[in-house]
Amino acid sequence: MKSLLRPALSLFALLSVLTGLIYPLAVTGIGQLMFAQTANGSILAVDGRPVGSALIGQSFTAAQHFWGRPSATGPFPYNAAVSSGSNLGPLNPALAEAVKARLEALKAADPGNDNPVPVDLMTASGSGLDPDISLAAAYYQAPRVANARGLPVEQVRALIGQQAARPWLGILGEPRVNVLRLNLALDGREVQPLD
């Protein structure tokens, strides 16, 4: 028995140190050296004060701001402590009612907009924390934002184009825009990463 116990305990101790100490320290060190901003939460700051993370959506409801993708987290939208979707299936009447309510809110905020509403403005993401919207969703909201701010719609559209993120390597992902960054740029606030 002792001949089996000693190698088992030695292997347990070795693997505990390797996977519980050395590997996490190595991954953390590489993350801090190569991707420090992302590893630390991609916190954005204005005048040295944190205003949010570029990785977590925020609730914007004013007409003069772009609205993000709906969030189904509880008890309030974009609750990072309980990241989750609604888990409502396509045949669930509650999902149809939620989409209908979101569509009505979009139409009420911009009654003159007859363009088709992009799907990402009506459906929540799986995490409920999506910080980005499609370019179509941003361009759909441009007339409402321009009208609320008294700006030419072309100026708002140009800002969307400036803030747009392209697919990685030109092929991975979709063109999108970060709602927090876009709204801060729209407010004329200079954004810096928080060190």
C-alpha atoms as a PDB file:
ATOM      1  CA  MET A   1       0.000   0.000   0.000  1.00  0.00           C
ATOM      2  CA  LYS A   2       2.797   2.433   0.893  1.00  0.00           C
ATOM      3  CA  SER A   3       4.409   1.772  -2.469  1.00  0.00           C
ATOM      4  CA  LEU A   4       1.245   3.048  -4.201  1.00  0.00           C
ATOM      5  CA  LEU A   5       0.475   5.898  -1.828  1.00  0.00           C
ATOM      6  CA  ARG A   6       3.793   7.723  -2.095  1.00  0.00           C
ATOM      7  CA  PRO A   7       3.773   8.098  -5.941  1.00  0.00           C
ATOM      8  CA  ALA A   8       0.081   9.078  -5.875  1.00  0.00           C
ATOM      9  CA  LEU A   9       0.670  11.815  -3.276  1.00  0.00           C
ATOM     10  CA  SER A  10       3.787  13.017  -5.105  1.00  0.00           C
ATOM     11  CA  LEU A  11       1.893  13.244  -8.384  1.00  0.00           C
ATOM     12  CA  PHE A  12      -0.992  15.000  -6.629  1.00  0.00           C
ATOM     13  CA  ALA A  13       1.377  17.575  -5.106  1.00  0.00           C
ATOM     14  CA  LEU A  14       3.214  18.103  -8.422  1.00  0.00           C
ATOM     15  CA  LEU A  15       0.003  18.582 -10.413  1.00  0.00           C
ATOM     16  CA  SER A  16      -1.463  20.862  -7.723  1.00  0.00           C
ATOM     17  CA  VAL A  17       1.568  23.151  -7.914  1.00  0.00           C
ATOM     18  CA  LEU A  18       1.678  22.980 -11.717  1.00  0.00           C
ATOM     19  CA  THR A  19      -2.027  23.555 -12.438  1.00  0.00           C
ATOM     20  CA  GLY A  20      -2.958  25.521  -9.330  1.00  0.00           C
ATOM     21  CA  LEU A  21       0.016  27.860  -9.105  1.00  0.00           C
ATOM     22  CA  ILE A  22       2.460  27.869 -12.014  1.00  0.00           C
ATOM     23  CA  TYR A  23      -0.086  27.774 -14.879  1.00  0.00           C
ATOM     24  CA  PRO A  24      -2.379  30.537 -13.480  1.00  0.00           C
ATOM     25  CA  LEU A  25       0.633  32.763 -12.722  1.00  0.00           C
ATOM     26  CA  ALA A  26       2.025  32.219 -16.237  1.00  0.00           C
ATOM     27  CA  VAL A  27      -1.315  32.985 -17.924  1.00  0.00           C
ATOM     28  CA  THR A  28      -1.847  36.062 -15.731  1.00  0.00           C
ATOM     29  CA  GLY A  29       1.696  37.268 -16.428  1.00  0.00           C
ATOM     30  CA  ILE A  30       1.313  36.824 -20.204  1.00  0.00           C
ATOM     31  CA  GLY A  31      -2.047  38.588 -20.105  1.00  0.00           C
ATOM     32  CA  GLN A  32      -0.622  41.526 -18.172  1.00  0.00           C
ATOM     33  CA  LEU A  33       2.423  41.807 -20.439  1.00  0.00           C
ATOM     34  CA  MET A  34       0.712  41.420 -23.805  1.00  0.00           C
ATOM     35  CA  PHE A  35      -2.931  42.409 -23.248  1.00  0.00           C
ATOM     36  CA  ALA A  36      -2.957  44.528 -20.083  1.00  0.00           C
ATOM     37  CA  GLN A  37      -5.935  46.731 -21.039  1.00  0.00           C
ATOM     38  CA  THR A  38      -8.160  43.765 -21.937  1.00  0.00           C
ATOM     39  CA  ALA A  39      -6.949  41.629 -19.015  1.00  0.00           C
ATOM     40  CA  ASN A  40      -7.888  44.433 -16.622  1.00  0.00           C
ATOM     41  CA  GLY A  41     -11.442  44.774 -17.933  1.00  0.00           C
ATOM     42  CA  SER A  42     -11.041  47.328 -20.768  1.00  0.00           C
ATOM     43  CA  ILE A  43     -12.084  50.145 -18.441  1.00  0.00           C
ATOM     44  CA  LEU A  44     -12.638  53.465 -20.215  1.00  0.00           C
ATOM     45  CA  ALA A  45     -12.001  56.756 -18.449  1.00  0.00           C
ATOM     46  CA  VAL A  46     -12.915  60.382 -19.045  1.00  0.00           C
ATOM     47  CA  ASP A  47     -10.775  62.958 -17.234  1.00  0.00           C
ATOM     48  CA  GLY A  48      -9.131  60.129 -15.290  1.00  0.00           C
ATOM     49  CA  ARG A  49     -12.429  58.798 -13.907  1.00  0.00           C
ATOM     50  CA  PRO A  50     -13.794  55.400 -14.978  1.00  0.00           C
ATOM     51  CA  VAL A  51     -17.052  55.575 -16.947  1.00  0.00           C
ATOM     52  CA  GLY A  52     -17.503  51.936 -17.885  1.00  0.00           C
ATOM     53  CA  SER A  53     -16.032  48.907 -19.572  1.00  0.00           C
ATOM     54  CA  ALA A  54     -15.812  48.524 -23.330  1.00  0.00           C
ATOM     55  CA  LEU A  55     -16.670  44.846 -22.750  1.00  0.00           C
ATOM     56  CA  ILE A  56     -19.980  45.274 -20.882  1.00  0.00           C
ATOM     57  CA  GLY A  57     -23.052  47.020 -22.261  1.00  0.00           C
ATOM     58  CA  GLN A  58     -24.725  49.876 -20.433  1.00  0.00           C
ATOM     59  CA  SER A  59     -28.311  51.053 -20.362  1.00  0.00           C
ATOM     60  CA  PHE A  60     -28.842  54.174 -22.473  1.00  0.00           C
ATOM     61  CA  THR A  61     -32.464  55.290 -22.816  1.00  0.00           C
ATOM     62  CA  ALA A  62     -32.291  59.001 -23.663  1.00  0.00           C
ATOM     63  CA  ALA A  63     -33.246  60.000 -27.211  1.00  0.00           C
ATOM     64  CA  GLN A  64     -29.926  61.804 -27.716  1.00  0.00           C
ATOM     65  CA  HIS A  65     -27.920  58.611 -27.135  1.00  0.00           C
ATOM     66  CA  PHE A  66     -27.579  55.408 -29.102  1.00  0.00           C
ATOM     67  CA  TRP A  67     -29.283  52.480 -27.458  1.00  0.00           C
ATOM     68  CA  GLY A  68     -27.512  49.166 -27.046  1.00  0.00           C
ATOM     69  CA  ARG A  69     -28.754  45.679 -27.590  1.00  0.00           C
ATOM     70  CA  PRO A  70     -31.504  44.764 -25.105  1.00  0.00           C
ATOM     71  CA  SER A  71     -30.422  42.934 -21.969  1.00  0.00           C
ATOM     72  CA  ALA A  72     -32.384  40.165 -20.283  1.00  0.00           C
ATOM     73  CA  THR A  73     -30.324  40.097 -17.076  1.00  0.00           C
ATOM     74  CA  GLY A  74     -32.112  40.557 -13.796  1.00  0.00           C
ATOM     75  CA  PRO A  75     -33.029  42.342 -11.650  1.00  0.00           C
ATOM     76  CA  PHE A  76     -31.820  45.199 -13.892  1.00  0.00           C
ATOM     77  CA  PRO A  77     -30.413  45.364 -17.453  1.00  0.00           C
ATOM     78  CA  TYR A  78     -26.687  44.808 -18.045  1.00  0.00           C
ATOM     79  CA  ASN A  79     -26.147  43.304 -14.597  1.00  0.00           C
ATOM     80  CA  ALA A  80     -22.661  41.825 -14.988  1.00  0.00           C
ATOM     81  CA  ALA A  81     -23.054  39.832 -11.768  1.00  0.00           C
ATOM     82  CA  VAL A  82     -25.720  37.620 -13.339  1.00  0.00           C
ATOM     83  CA  SER A  83     -24.817  37.436 -17.010  1.00  0.00           C
ATOM     84  CA  SER A  84     -27.530  35.451 -18.758  1.00  0.00           C
ATOM     85  CA  GLY A  85     -30.057  35.406 -21.519  1.00  0.00           C
ATOM     86  CA  SER A  86     -33.781  35.074 -21.057  1.00  0.00           C
ATOM     87  CA  ASN A  87     -33.783  31.381 -22.060  1.00  0.00           C
ATOM     88  CA  LEU A  88     -37.113  31.959 -23.790  1.00  0.00           C
ATOM     89  CA  GLY A  89     -37.621  29.648 -26.757  1.00  0.00           C
ATOM     90  CA  PRO A  90     -38.894  30.835 -30.142  1.00  0.00           C
ATOM     91  CA  LEU A  91     -42.385  29.486 -29.439  1.00  0.00           C
ATOM     92  CA  ASN A  92     -42.674  31.118 -26.023  1.00  0.00           C
ATOM     93  CA  PRO A  93     -45.290  33.906 -26.057  1.00  0.00           C
ATOM     94  CA  ALA A  94     -43.238  35.909 -23.531  1.00  0.00           C
ATOM     95  CA  LEU A  95     -40.431  36.240 -26.113  1.00  0.00           C
ATOM     96  CA  ALA A  96     -42.871  37.496 -28.751  1.00  0.00           C
ATOM     97  CA  GLU A  97     -44.288  40.000 -26.237  1.00  0.00           C
ATOM     98  CA  ALA A  98     -40.783  41.219 -25.282  1.00  0.00           C
ATOM     99  CA  VAL A  99     -39.800  41.717 -28.931  1.00  0.00           C
ATOM    100  CA  LYS A 100     -43.111  43.497 -29.621  1.00  0.00           C
ATOM    101  CA  ALA A 101     -42.572  45.844 -26.642  1.00  0.00           C
ATOM    102  CA  ARG A 102     -39.022  46.647 -27.801  1.00  0.00           C
ATOM    103  CA  LEU A 103     -40.262  47.333 -31.325  1.00  0.00           C
ATOM    104  CA  GLU A 104     -42.994  49.634 -30.015  1.00  0.00           C
ATOM    105  CA  ALA A 105     -40.446  51.525 -27.865  1.00  0.00           C
ATOM    106  CA  LEU A 106     -38.179  52.033 -30.886  1.00  0.00           C
ATOM    107  CA  LYS A 107     -41.084  53.231 -33.036  1.00  0.00           C
ATOM    108  CA  ALA A 108     -42.351  55.549 -30.280  1.00  0.00           C
ATOM    109  CA  ALA A 109     -38.890  57.106 -29.900  1.00  0.00           C
ATOM    110  CA  ASP A 110     -38.625  57.733 -33.661  1.00  0.00           C
ATOM    111  CA  PRO A 111     -42.113  57.619 -35.215  1.00  0.00           C
ATOM    112  CA  GLY A 112     -40.977  58.987 -38.594  1.00  0.00           C
ATOM    113  CA  ASN A 113     -38.437  56.199 -39.150  1.00  0.00           C
ATOM    114  CA  ASP A 114     -39.961  53.715 -41.596  1.00  0.00           C
ATOM    115  CA  ASN A 115     -36.774  51.684 -42.120  1.00  0.00           C
ATOM    116  CA  PRO A 116     -36.762  48.036 -41.062  1.00  0.00           C
ATOM    117  CA  VAL A 117     -35.629  47.645 -37.457  1.00  0.00           C
ATOM    118  CA  PRO A 118     -32.413  45.602 -37.196  1.00  0.00           C
ATOM    119  CA  VAL A 119     -32.885  42.393 -35.271  1.00  0.00           C
ATOM    120  CA  ASP A 120     -30.185  43.187 -32.709  1.00  0.00           C
ATOM    121  CA  LEU A 121     -32.266  46.114 -31.426  1.00  0.00           C
ATOM    122  CA  MET A 122     -35.196  43.798 -30.684  1.00  0.00           C
ATOM    123  CA  THR A 123     -33.514  40.663 -29.314  1.00  0.00           C
ATOM    124  CA  ALA A 124     -31.311  40.264 -26.256  1.00  0.00           C
ATOM    125  CA  SER A 125     -27.924  38.617 -26.541  1.00  0.00           C
ATOM    126  CA  GLY A 126     -27.126  35.314 -24.853  1.00  0.00           C
ATOM    127  CA  SER A 127     -25.046  37.012 -22.163  1.00  0.00           C
ATOM    128  CA  GLY A 128     -27.273  40.065 -21.759  1.00  0.00           C
ATOM    129  CA  LEU A 129     -24.105  42.181 -21.660  1.00  0.00           C
ATOM    130  CA  ASP A 130     -23.357  42.783 -25.341  1.00  0.00           C
ATOM    131  CA  PRO A 131     -21.533  46.145 -25.598  1.00  0.00           C
ATOM    132  CA  ASP A 132     -21.746  46.385 -29.395  1.00  0.00           C
ATOM    133  CA  ILE A 133     -24.475  46.838 -31.972  1.00  0.00           C
ATOM    134  CA  SER A 134     -24.365  46.227 -35.694  1.00  0.00           C
ATOM    135  CA  LEU A 135     -23.700  49.122 -38.021  1.00  0.00           C
ATOM    136  CA  ALA A 136     -27.253  48.677 -39.306  1.00  0.00           C
ATOM    137  CA  ALA A 137     -28.576  49.191 -35.757  1.00  0.00           C
ATOM    138  CA  ALA A 138     -26.450  52.326 -35.331  1.00  0.00           C
ATOM    139  CA  TYR A 139     -27.463  53.780 -38.697  1.00  0.00           C
ATOM    140  CA  TYR A 140     -31.132  53.011 -37.916  1.00  0.00           C
ATOM    141  CA  GLN A 141     -30.876  55.173 -34.771  1.00  0.00           C
ATOM    142  CA  ALA A 142     -28.904  58.002 -36.413  1.00  0.00           C
ATOM    143  CA  PRO A 143     -31.972  60.113 -37.409  1.00  0.00           C
ATOM    144  CA  ARG A 144     -33.409  59.995 -33.869  1.00  0.00           C
ATOM    145  CA  VAL A 145     -30.071  60.921 -32.273  1.00  0.00           C
ATOM    146  CA  ALA A 146     -29.419  63.690 -34.807  1.00  0.00           C
ATOM    147  CA  ASN A 147     -32.896  65.136 -34.293  1.00  0.00           C
ATOM    148  CA  ALA A 148     -32.610  65.029 -30.483  1.00  0.00           C
ATOM    149  CA  ARG A 149     -29.250  66.812 -30.603  1.00  0.00           C
ATOM    150  CA  GLY A 150     -30.088  69.238 -33.396  1.00  0.00           C
ATOM    151  CA  LEU A 151     -27.262  67.873 -35.550  1.00  0.00           C
ATOM    152  CA  PRO A 152     -27.221  67.036 -39.257  1.00  0.00           C
ATOM    153  CA  VAL A 153     -27.810  63.312 -39.704  1.00  0.00           C
ATOM    154  CA  GLU A 154     -24.765  63.150 -41.998  1.00  0.00           C
ATOM    155  CA  GLN A 155     -22.566  64.265 -39.086  1.00  0.00           C
ATOM    156  CA  VAL A 156     -23.961  61.522 -36.842  1.00  0.00           C
ATOM    157  CA  ARG A 157     -23.518  58.936 -39.605  1.00  0.00           C
ATOM    158  CA  ALA A 158     -19.904  60.055 -40.090  1.00  0.00           C
ATOM    159  CA  LEU A 159     -19.262  59.568 -36.368  1.00  0.00           C
ATOM    160  CA  ILE A 160     -20.663  56.040 -36.594  1.00  0.00           C
ATOM    161  CA  GLY A 161     -18.249  55.321 -39.430  1.00  0.00           C
ATOM    162  CA  GLN A 162     -15.325  56.691 -37.406  1.00  0.00           C
ATOM    163  CA  GLN A 163     -16.197  54.519 -34.395  1.00  0.00           C
ATOM    164  CA  ALA A 164     -16.898  51.342 -36.394  1.00  0.00           C
ATOM    165  CA  ALA A 165     -14.839  48.245 -35.645  1.00  0.00           C
ATOM    166  CA  ARG A 166     -14.097  46.107 -38.676  1.00  0.00           C
ATOM    167  CA  PRO A 167     -13.865  42.296 -38.708  1.00  0.00           C
ATOM    168  CA  TRP A 168     -10.628  40.977 -37.254  1.00  0.00           C
ATOM    169  CA  LEU A 169      -8.187  40.186 -40.073  1.00  0.00           C
ATOM    170  CA  GLY A 170     -10.940  41.335 -42.412  1.00  0.00           C
ATOM    171  CA  ILE A 171     -12.872  38.061 -42.114  1.00  0.00           C
ATOM    172  CA  LEU A 172     -13.646  37.192 -38.486  1.00  0.00           C
ATOM    173  CA  GLY A 173     -16.724  38.823 -37.007  1.00  0.00           C
ATOM    174  CA  GLU A 174     -19.084  41.468 -38.280  1.00  0.00           C
ATOM    175  CA  PRO A 175     -18.636  45.221 -38.561  1.00  0.00           C
ATOM    176  CA  ARG A 176     -19.945  46.706 -35.319  1.00  0.00           C
ATOM    177  CA  VAL A 177     -19.785  49.731 -33.069  1.00  0.00           C
ATOM    178  CA  ASN A 178     -19.264  49.916 -29.310  1.00  0.00           C
ATOM    179  CA  VAL A 179     -22.234  51.811 -27.866  1.00  0.00           C
ATOM    180  CA  LEU A 180     -20.363  53.319 -24.905  1.00  0.00           C
ATOM    181  CA  ARG A 181     -17.504  54.593 -27.075  1.00  0.00           C
ATOM    182  CA  LEU A 182     -19.965  55.947 -29.656  1.00  0.00           C
ATOM    183  CA  ASN A 183     -22.032  57.817 -27.050  1.00  0.00           C
ATOM    184  CA  LEU A 184     -18.931  59.256 -25.390  1.00  0.00           C
ATOM    185  CA  ALA A 185     -17.635  60.439 -28.782  1.00  0.00           C
ATOM    186  CA  LEU A 186     -21.063  61.900 -29.510  1.00  0.00           C
ATOM    187  CA  ASP A 187     -20.903  63.801 -26.207  1.00  0.00           C
ATOM    188  CA  GLY A 188     -17.480  65.118 -27.248  1.00  0.00           C
ATOM    189  CA  ARG A 189     -15.771  63.447 -24.309  1.00  0.00           C
ATOM    190  CA  GLU A 190     -12.186  62.294 -24.789  1.00  0.00           C
ATOM    191  CA  VAL A 191     -11.856  58.675 -23.773  1.00  0.00           C
ATOM    192  CA  GLN A 192      -8.655  57.128 -22.447  1.00  0.00           C
ATOM    193  CA  PRO A 193      -8.031  53.574 -21.290  1.00  0.00           C
ATOM    194  CA  LEU A 194      -7.751  53.457 -17.511  1.00  0.00           C
ATOM    195  CA  ASP A 195      -4.255  52.260 -16.557  1.00  0.00           C
END
